[in-house]
PDB file of N, CA and C in Angstrom:
ATOM      1  N   MET A   1     -96.315 -14.171  59.702  1.00  0.00           N
ATOM      2  CA  MET A   1     -97.322 -13.410  58.828  1.00  0.00           C
ATOM      3  C   MET A   1     -96.853 -12.003  58.755  1.00  0.00           C
ATOM      4  N   TRP A   2     -96.717 -11.391  59.944  1.00  0.00           N
ATOM      5  CA  TRP A   2     -96.302 -10.063  60.065  1.00  0.00           C
ATOM      6  C   TRP A   2     -95.049  -9.689  59.240  1.00  0.00           C
ATOM      7  N   LEU A   3     -94.131 -10.691  59.399  1.00  0.00           N
ATOM      8  CA  LEU A   3     -92.865 -10.415  58.678  1.00  0.00           C
ATOM      9  C   LEU A   3     -93.129 -10.275  57.142  1.00  0.00           C
ATOM     10  N   GLU A   4     -93.858 -11.173  56.619  1.00  0.00           N
ATOM     11  CA  GLU A   4     -94.263 -11.191  55.194  1.00  0.00           C
ATOM     12  C   GLU A   4     -95.075  -9.948  54.724  1.00  0.00           C
ATOM     13  N   GLN A   5     -95.937  -9.476  55.595  1.00  0.00           N
ATOM     14  CA  GLN A   5     -96.852  -8.273  55.195  1.00  0.00           C
ATOM     15  C   GLN A   5     -96.243  -6.968  55.478  1.00  0.00           C
ATOM     16  N   VAL A   6     -95.384  -6.815  56.481  1.00  0.00           N
ATOM     17  CA  VAL A   6     -94.783  -5.637  56.948  1.00  0.00           C
ATOM     18  C   VAL A   6     -93.396  -5.367  56.787  1.00  0.00           C
ATOM     19  N   LEU A   7     -92.634  -6.325  57.154  1.00  0.00           N
ATOM     20  CA  LEU A   7     -91.183  -6.094  57.144  1.00  0.00           C
ATOM     21  C   LEU A   7     -90.418  -6.537  55.933  1.00  0.00           C
ATOM     22  N   LEU A   8     -90.771  -7.673  55.264  1.00  0.00           N
ATOM     23  CA  LEU A   8     -89.914  -8.148  54.269  1.00  0.00           C
ATOM     24  C   LEU A   8     -90.407  -7.596  52.878  1.00  0.00           C
ATOM     25  N   ALA A   9     -89.553  -7.246  52.017  1.00  0.00           N
ATOM     26  CA  ALA A   9     -89.754  -6.849  50.716  1.00  0.00           C
ATOM     27  C   ALA A   9     -90.112  -8.090  49.840  1.00  0.00           C
ATOM     28  N   GLU A  10     -90.912  -7.741  48.853  1.00  0.00           N
ATOM     29  CA  GLU A  10     -91.208  -8.710  47.884  1.00  0.00           C
ATOM     30  C   GLU A  10     -90.123  -8.905  46.799  1.00  0.00           C
ATOM     31  N   VAL A  11     -89.614 -10.064  46.778  1.00  0.00           N
ATOM     32  CA  VAL A  11     -88.441 -10.244  45.846  1.00  0.00           C
ATOM     33  C   VAL A  11     -88.710 -11.470  44.932  1.00  0.00           C
ATOM     34  N   PRO A  12     -88.244 -11.527  43.692  1.00  0.00           N
ATOM     35  CA  PRO A  12     -88.487 -12.647  42.901  1.00  0.00           C
ATOM     36  C   PRO A  12     -87.626 -13.918  43.024  1.00  0.00           C
ATOM     37  N   HIS A  13     -86.808 -14.064  44.189  1.00  0.00           N
ATOM     38  CA  HIS A  13     -86.007 -15.253  44.438  1.00  0.00           C
ATOM     39  C   HIS A  13     -86.135 -15.457  46.020  1.00  0.00           C
ATOM     40  N   SER A  14     -85.472 -16.652  46.294  1.00  0.00           N
ATOM     41  CA  SER A  14     -85.305 -17.036  47.681  1.00  0.00           C
ATOM     42  C   SER A  14     -84.127 -17.665  47.961  1.00  0.00           C
ATOM     43  N   GLN A  15     -83.585 -17.812  49.192  1.00  0.00           N
ATOM     44  CA  GLN A  15     -82.316 -18.409  49.478  1.00  0.00           C
ATOM     45  C   GLN A  15     -82.674 -19.632  50.646  1.00  0.00           C
ATOM     46  N   VAL A  16     -82.046 -20.844  50.279  1.00  0.00           N
ATOM     47  CA  VAL A  16     -82.217 -21.816  51.213  1.00  0.00           C
ATOM     48  C   VAL A  16     -80.793 -22.264  51.717  1.00  0.00           C
ATOM     49  N   VAL A  17     -80.751 -22.379  52.978  1.00  0.00           N
ATOM     50  CA  VAL A  17     -79.572 -22.756  53.668  1.00  0.00           C
ATOM     51  C   VAL A  17     -79.616 -24.178  54.109  1.00  0.00           C
ATOM     52  N   LEU A  18     -78.687 -25.002  53.921  1.00  0.00           N
ATOM     53  CA  LEU A  18     -78.734 -26.393  54.227  1.00  0.00           C
ATOM     54  C   LEU A  18     -77.542 -26.743  55.248  1.00  0.00           C
ATOM     55  N   ALA A  19     -77.860 -27.234  56.402  1.00  0.00           N
ATOM     56  CA  ALA A  19     -76.801 -27.731  57.238  1.00  0.00           C
ATOM     57  C   ALA A  19     -76.462 -29.172  57.123  1.00  0.00           C
ATOM     58  N   VAL A  20     -75.347 -29.542  56.973  1.00  0.00           N
ATOM     59  CA  VAL A  20     -74.872 -31.038  56.852  1.00  0.00           C
ATOM     60  C   VAL A  20     -74.479 -31.443  58.286  1.00  0.00           C
ATOM     61  N   PRO A  21     -75.083 -32.450  58.614  1.00  0.00           N
ATOM     62  CA  PRO A  21     -74.655 -33.101  60.078  1.00  0.00           C
ATOM     63  C   PRO A  21     -73.180 -33.420  60.066  1.00  0.00           C
ATOM     64  N   LYS A  22     -72.680 -33.280  61.263  1.00  0.00           N
ATOM     65  CA  LYS A  22     -71.128 -33.428  61.431  1.00  0.00           C
ATOM     66  C   LYS A  22     -70.667 -34.781  60.978  1.00  0.00           C
ATOM     67  N   ARG A  23     -71.465 -35.797  61.206  1.00  0.00           N
ATOM     68  CA  ARG A  23     -71.071 -37.204  60.846  1.00  0.00           C
ATOM     69  C   ARG A  23     -70.946 -37.382  59.320  1.00  0.00           C
ATOM     70  N   LEU A  24     -71.734 -36.475  58.550  1.00  0.00           N
ATOM     71  CA  LEU A  24     -71.663 -36.650  57.095  1.00  0.00           C
ATOM     72  C   LEU A  24     -70.665 -35.752  56.503  1.00  0.00           C
ATOM     73  N   ARG A  25     -70.031 -34.839  57.172  1.00  0.00           N
ATOM     74  CA  ARG A  25     -69.178 -33.830  56.560  1.00  0.00           C
ATOM     75  C   ARG A  25     -67.902 -34.459  55.973  1.00  0.00           C
ATOM     76  N   PRO A  26     -67.308 -35.556  56.584  1.00  0.00           N
ATOM     77  CA  PRO A  26     -66.122 -35.998  55.968  1.00  0.00           C
ATOM     78  C   PRO A  26     -66.439 -36.626  54.524  1.00  0.00           C
ATOM     79  N   TYR A  27     -67.586 -37.125  54.398  1.00  0.00           N
ATOM     80  CA  TYR A  27     -67.926 -37.628  53.073  1.00  0.00           C
ATOM     81  C   TYR A  27     -67.874 -36.577  52.020  1.00  0.00           C
ATOM     82  N   PHE A  28     -68.512 -35.414  52.401  1.00  0.00           N
ATOM     83  CA  PHE A  28     -68.599 -34.284  51.442  1.00  0.00           C
ATOM     84  C   PHE A  28     -67.252 -33.669  51.292  1.00  0.00           C
ATOM     85  N   LEU A  29     -66.369 -33.651  52.286  1.00  0.00           N
ATOM     86  CA  LEU A  29     -65.061 -33.203  52.331  1.00  0.00           C
ATOM     87  C   LEU A  29     -64.143 -33.821  51.296  1.00  0.00           C
ATOM     88  N   TYR A  30     -64.168 -35.184  51.250  1.00  0.00           N
ATOM     89  CA  TYR A  30     -63.313 -35.948  50.382  1.00  0.00           C
ATOM     90  C   TYR A  30     -63.975 -36.406  49.091  1.00  0.00           C
ATOM     91  N   HIS A  31     -65.300 -36.186  49.007  1.00  0.00           N
ATOM     92  CA  HIS A  31     -65.992 -36.602  47.862  1.00  0.00           C
ATOM     93  C   HIS A  31     -66.844 -35.450  47.391  1.00  0.00           C
ATOM     94  N   ARG A  32     -66.018 -34.391  46.751  1.00  0.00           N
ATOM     95  CA  ARG A  32     -66.892 -33.047  46.372  1.00  0.00           C
ATOM     96  C   ARG A  32     -68.098 -33.353  45.491  1.00  0.00           C
ATOM     97  N   THR A  33     -67.852 -34.303  44.692  1.00  0.00           N
ATOM     98  CA  THR A  33     -69.148 -34.591  43.719  1.00  0.00           C
ATOM     99  C   THR A  33     -70.397 -34.816  44.514  1.00  0.00           C
ATOM    100  N   LEU A  34     -70.252 -35.469  45.642  1.00  0.00           N
ATOM    101  CA  LEU A  34     -71.512 -35.689  46.369  1.00  0.00           C
ATOM    102  C   LEU A  34     -72.180 -34.385  46.901  1.00  0.00           C
ATOM    103  N   LEU A  35     -71.413 -33.490  47.088  1.00  0.00           N
ATOM    104  CA  LEU A  35     -71.900 -32.197  47.544  1.00  0.00           C
ATOM    105  C   LEU A  35     -72.734 -31.525  46.371  1.00  0.00           C
ATOM    106  N   GLY A  36     -72.228 -31.693  45.121  1.00  0.00           N
ATOM    107  CA  GLY A  36     -72.916 -31.185  43.915  1.00  0.00           C
ATOM    108  C   GLY A  36     -74.197 -31.923  43.741  1.00  0.00           C
ATOM    109  N   ASP A  37     -74.120 -33.228  43.930  1.00  0.00           N
ATOM    110  CA  ASP A  37     -75.294 -33.999  43.855  1.00  0.00           C
ATOM    111  C   ASP A  37     -76.349 -33.615  44.804  1.00  0.00           C
ATOM    112  N   LEU A  38     -75.966 -33.379  46.018  1.00  0.00           N
ATOM    113  CA  LEU A  38     -76.899 -33.032  47.123  1.00  0.00           C
ATOM    114  C   LEU A  38     -77.570 -31.691  46.821  1.00  0.00           C
ATOM    115  N   SER A  39     -76.759 -30.708  46.284  1.00  0.00           N
ATOM    116  CA  SER A  39     -77.442 -29.422  45.960  1.00  0.00           C
ATOM    117  C   SER A  39     -78.472 -29.505  44.811  1.00  0.00           C
ATOM    118  N   ARG A  40     -78.243 -30.420  43.874  1.00  0.00           N
ATOM    119  CA  ARG A  40     -79.144 -30.638  42.756  1.00  0.00           C
ATOM    120  C   ARG A  40     -80.424 -31.328  43.187  1.00  0.00           C
ATOM    121  N   LEU A  41     -80.401 -31.954  44.291  1.00  0.00           N
ATOM    122  CA  LEU A  41     -81.604 -32.663  44.802  1.00  0.00           C
ATOM    123  C   LEU A  41     -82.541 -31.582  45.400  1.00  0.00           C
TER     124      LEU A  41
END
């Protein structure tokens, strides 16, 4: 709550970071369309 009220500026956008588990990374490496599908979800 302190971060939102005091430290962070109010902006009209946000950023989301997604971590893909190591076991799934080969699927996304060799099938790049899956990564696009995942980002659209």
